Amino acid sequence: MGLIIANKQGQVLLCKRKGMNSWQFPQGGIDLNESPLKAAKRELFEEVGIQAKDVKLIKSLDEWLKYDVPIKSRRKKRRKKSKKRKKKRKKRKTRKY
């Protein structure tokens, strides 16, 4: 579920993707038994800290839009690290030279 947030001047809100050099509209998932509107309000607050009372729904779509994320914009899958590797890496980061 994605949100397009615009202010009275017609500016839209784009969010920088964490750990990537790309931007996106606020978005997120819908929890079990949660309406799309309720999920949108929750995600808006979780993603960018905007409360539901501060926005007005202008339009929603009756059908879901599907799209493929371009390969270059996809997150790389990370291997799970063992506890031993995590400790070594943590030590390396905190070492002073």
C-alpha atoms as a PDB file:
ATOM      1  CA  MET A   1       0.000   0.000   0.000  1.00  0.00           C
ATOM      2  CA  GLY A   2       1.482   3.335  -1.039  1.00  0.00           C
ATOM      3  CA  LEU A   3       0.664   6.909  -0.157  1.00  0.00           C
ATOM      4  CA  ILE A   4       1.056  10.089  -2.136  1.00  0.00           C
ATOM      5  CA  ILE A   5       1.212  13.016   0.270  1.00  0.00           C
ATOM      6  CA  ALA A   6       0.885  16.557  -1.089  1.00  0.00           C
ATOM      7  CA  ASN A   7       0.740  19.901   0.685  1.00  0.00           C
ATOM      8  CA  LYS A   8      -1.392  22.912  -0.263  1.00  0.00           C
ATOM      9  CA  GLN A   9       1.384  24.166  -2.555  1.00  0.00           C
ATOM     10  CA  GLY A  10       1.248  20.926  -4.566  1.00  0.00           C
ATOM     11  CA  GLN A  11       4.610  19.624  -3.331  1.00  0.00           C
ATOM     12  CA  VAL A  12       4.751  15.850  -2.855  1.00  0.00           C
ATOM     13  CA  LEU A  13       6.572  13.949  -0.143  1.00  0.00           C
ATOM     14  CA  LEU A  14       9.317  11.565  -1.260  1.00  0.00           C
ATOM     15  CA  CYS A  15      11.326   9.504   1.208  1.00  0.00           C
ATOM     16  CA  LYS A  16      14.923   8.399   0.732  1.00  0.00           C
ATOM     17  CA  ARG A  17      15.211   4.626   0.894  1.00  0.00           C
ATOM     18  CA  LYS A  18      17.371   3.468   3.756  1.00  0.00           C
ATOM     19  CA  GLY A  19      20.737   2.163   2.608  1.00  0.00           C
ATOM     20  CA  MET A  20      20.039   2.932  -1.059  1.00  0.00           C
ATOM     21  CA  ASN A  21      20.448   5.823  -3.444  1.00  0.00           C
ATOM     22  CA  SER A  22      16.768   6.020  -4.415  1.00  0.00           C
ATOM     23  CA  TRP A  23      13.528   7.694  -3.364  1.00  0.00           C
ATOM     24  CA  GLN A  24       9.957   6.476  -2.903  1.00  0.00           C
ATOM     25  CA  PHE A  25       6.525   7.472  -1.646  1.00  0.00           C
ATOM     26  CA  PRO A  26       5.708   6.349   1.920  1.00  0.00           C
ATOM     27  CA  GLN A  27       4.451   2.770   1.760  1.00  0.00           C
ATOM     28  CA  GLY A  28       3.969  -0.357   3.811  1.00  0.00           C
ATOM     29  CA  GLY A  29       1.940  -3.459   4.449  1.00  0.00           C
ATOM     30  CA  ILE A  30      -1.583  -4.110   5.616  1.00  0.00           C
ATOM     31  CA  ASP A  31      -1.930  -6.142   8.794  1.00  0.00           C
ATOM     32  CA  LEU A  32      -4.414  -8.999   9.097  1.00  0.00           C
ATOM     33  CA  ASN A  33      -7.995  -7.675   9.531  1.00  0.00           C
ATOM     34  CA  GLU A  34      -6.822  -4.079   8.951  1.00  0.00           C
ATOM     35  CA  SER A  35      -8.554  -1.870   6.393  1.00  0.00           C
ATOM     36  CA  PRO A  36      -6.398  -0.226   3.713  1.00  0.00           C
ATOM     37  CA  LEU A  37      -7.293   3.228   5.083  1.00  0.00           C
ATOM     38  CA  LYS A  38      -6.359   2.287   8.644  1.00  0.00           C
ATOM     39  CA  ALA A  39      -3.109   0.756   7.373  1.00  0.00           C
ATOM     40  CA  ALA A  40      -2.350   3.928   5.396  1.00  0.00           C
ATOM     41  CA  LYS A  41      -2.802   6.104   8.485  1.00  0.00           C
ATOM     42  CA  ARG A  42      -0.656   3.766  10.600  1.00  0.00           C
ATOM     43  CA  GLU A  43       2.110   3.542   7.993  1.00  0.00           C
ATOM     44  CA  LEU A  44       2.094   7.302   7.476  1.00  0.00           C
ATOM     45  CA  PHE A  45       2.839   7.796  11.164  1.00  0.00           C
ATOM     46  CA  GLU A  46       5.360   4.923  11.379  1.00  0.00           C
ATOM     47  CA  GLU A  47       7.242   5.956   8.226  1.00  0.00           C
ATOM     48  CA  VAL A  48       7.330   9.750   8.531  1.00  0.00           C
ATOM     49  CA  GLY A  49       5.652  10.758  11.822  1.00  0.00           C
ATOM     50  CA  ILE A  50       2.586  12.421  10.262  1.00  0.00           C
ATOM     51  CA  GLN A  51      -0.582  11.903  12.296  1.00  0.00           C
ATOM     52  CA  ALA A  52      -3.912  10.972  10.689  1.00  0.00           C
ATOM     53  CA  LYS A  53      -5.570  14.135  12.042  1.00  0.00           C
ATOM     54  CA  ASP A  54      -3.141  16.229   9.963  1.00  0.00           C
ATOM     55  CA  VAL A  55      -4.111  14.738   6.570  1.00  0.00           C
ATOM     56  CA  LYS A  56      -7.213  14.439   4.433  1.00  0.00           C
ATOM     57  CA  LEU A  57      -7.975  11.598   2.037  1.00  0.00           C
ATOM     58  CA  ILE A  58      -8.553  13.048  -1.414  1.00  0.00           C
ATOM     59  CA  LYS A  59      -8.725   9.897  -3.512  1.00  0.00           C
ATOM     60  CA  SER A  60      -8.189   6.160  -3.254  1.00  0.00           C
ATOM     61  CA  LEU A  61      -8.105   3.577  -6.025  1.00  0.00           C
ATOM     62  CA  ASP A  62     -10.649   0.777  -6.320  1.00  0.00           C
ATOM     63  CA  GLU A  63      -8.065  -1.627  -7.745  1.00  0.00           C
ATOM     64  CA  TRP A  64      -4.539  -2.464  -6.644  1.00  0.00           C
ATOM     65  CA  LEU A  65      -1.652  -1.330  -8.810  1.00  0.00           C
ATOM     66  CA  LYS A  66       1.169  -3.805  -9.382  1.00  0.00           C
ATOM     67  CA  TYR A  67       4.674  -3.000 -10.473  1.00  0.00           C
ATOM     68  CA  ASP A  68       8.106  -4.555 -10.663  1.00  0.00           C
ATOM     69  CA  VAL A  69      10.959  -2.849  -8.872  1.00  0.00           C
ATOM     70  CA  PRO A  70      13.859  -2.402 -11.318  1.00  0.00           C
ATOM     71  CA  ILE A  71      16.713  -4.823 -10.591  1.00  0.00           C
ATOM     72  CA  LYS A  72      19.169  -1.985  -9.885  1.00  0.00           C
ATOM     73  CA  SER A  73      16.769  -0.612  -7.225  1.00  0.00           C
ATOM     74  CA  ARG A  74      16.218  -3.892  -5.382  1.00  0.00           C
ATOM     75  CA  ARG A  75      17.865  -4.510  -2.043  1.00  0.00           C
ATOM     76  CA  LYS A  76      20.612  -7.071  -2.104  1.00  0.00           C
ATOM     77  CA  LYS A  77      19.823 -10.191  -0.103  1.00  0.00           C
ATOM     78  CA  ARG A  78      21.987 -10.392   2.976  1.00  0.00           C
ATOM     79  CA  ARG A  79      23.343 -13.610   4.366  1.00  0.00           C
ATOM     80  CA  LYS A  80      22.552 -14.330   7.982  1.00  0.00           C
ATOM     81  CA  LYS A  81      25.670 -13.922  10.056  1.00  0.00           C
ATOM     82  CA  SER A  82      26.655 -16.201  12.862  1.00  0.00           C
ATOM     83  CA  LYS A  83      27.037 -14.704  16.342  1.00  0.00           C
ATOM     84  CA  LYS A  84      30.792 -15.185  16.082  1.00  0.00           C
ATOM     85  CA  ARG A  85      30.998 -13.157  12.834  1.00  0.00           C
ATOM     86  CA  LYS A  86      28.776 -10.421  14.317  1.00  0.00           C
ATOM     87  CA  LYS A  87      31.106 -10.088  17.334  1.00  0.00           C
ATOM     88  CA  LYS A  88      34.195  -9.835  15.126  1.00  0.00           C
ATOM     89  CA  ARG A  89      32.558  -7.238  12.915  1.00  0.00           C
ATOM     90  CA  LYS A  90      31.399  -5.205  15.921  1.00  0.00           C
ATOM     91  CA  LYS A  91      34.927  -5.219  17.347  1.00  0.00           C
ATOM     92  CA  ARG A  92      36.326  -4.059  14.037  1.00  0.00           C
ATOM     93  CA  LYS A  93      33.931  -1.111  13.909  1.00  0.00           C
ATOM     94  CA  THR A  94      34.821   0.114  17.384  1.00  0.00           C
ATOM     95  CA  ARG A  95      38.590  -0.312  17.106  1.00  0.00           C
ATOM     96  CA  LYS A  96      40.568   2.949  17.418  1.00  0.00           C
ATOM     97  CA  TYR A  97      43.629   3.632  15.315  1.00  0.00           C
END
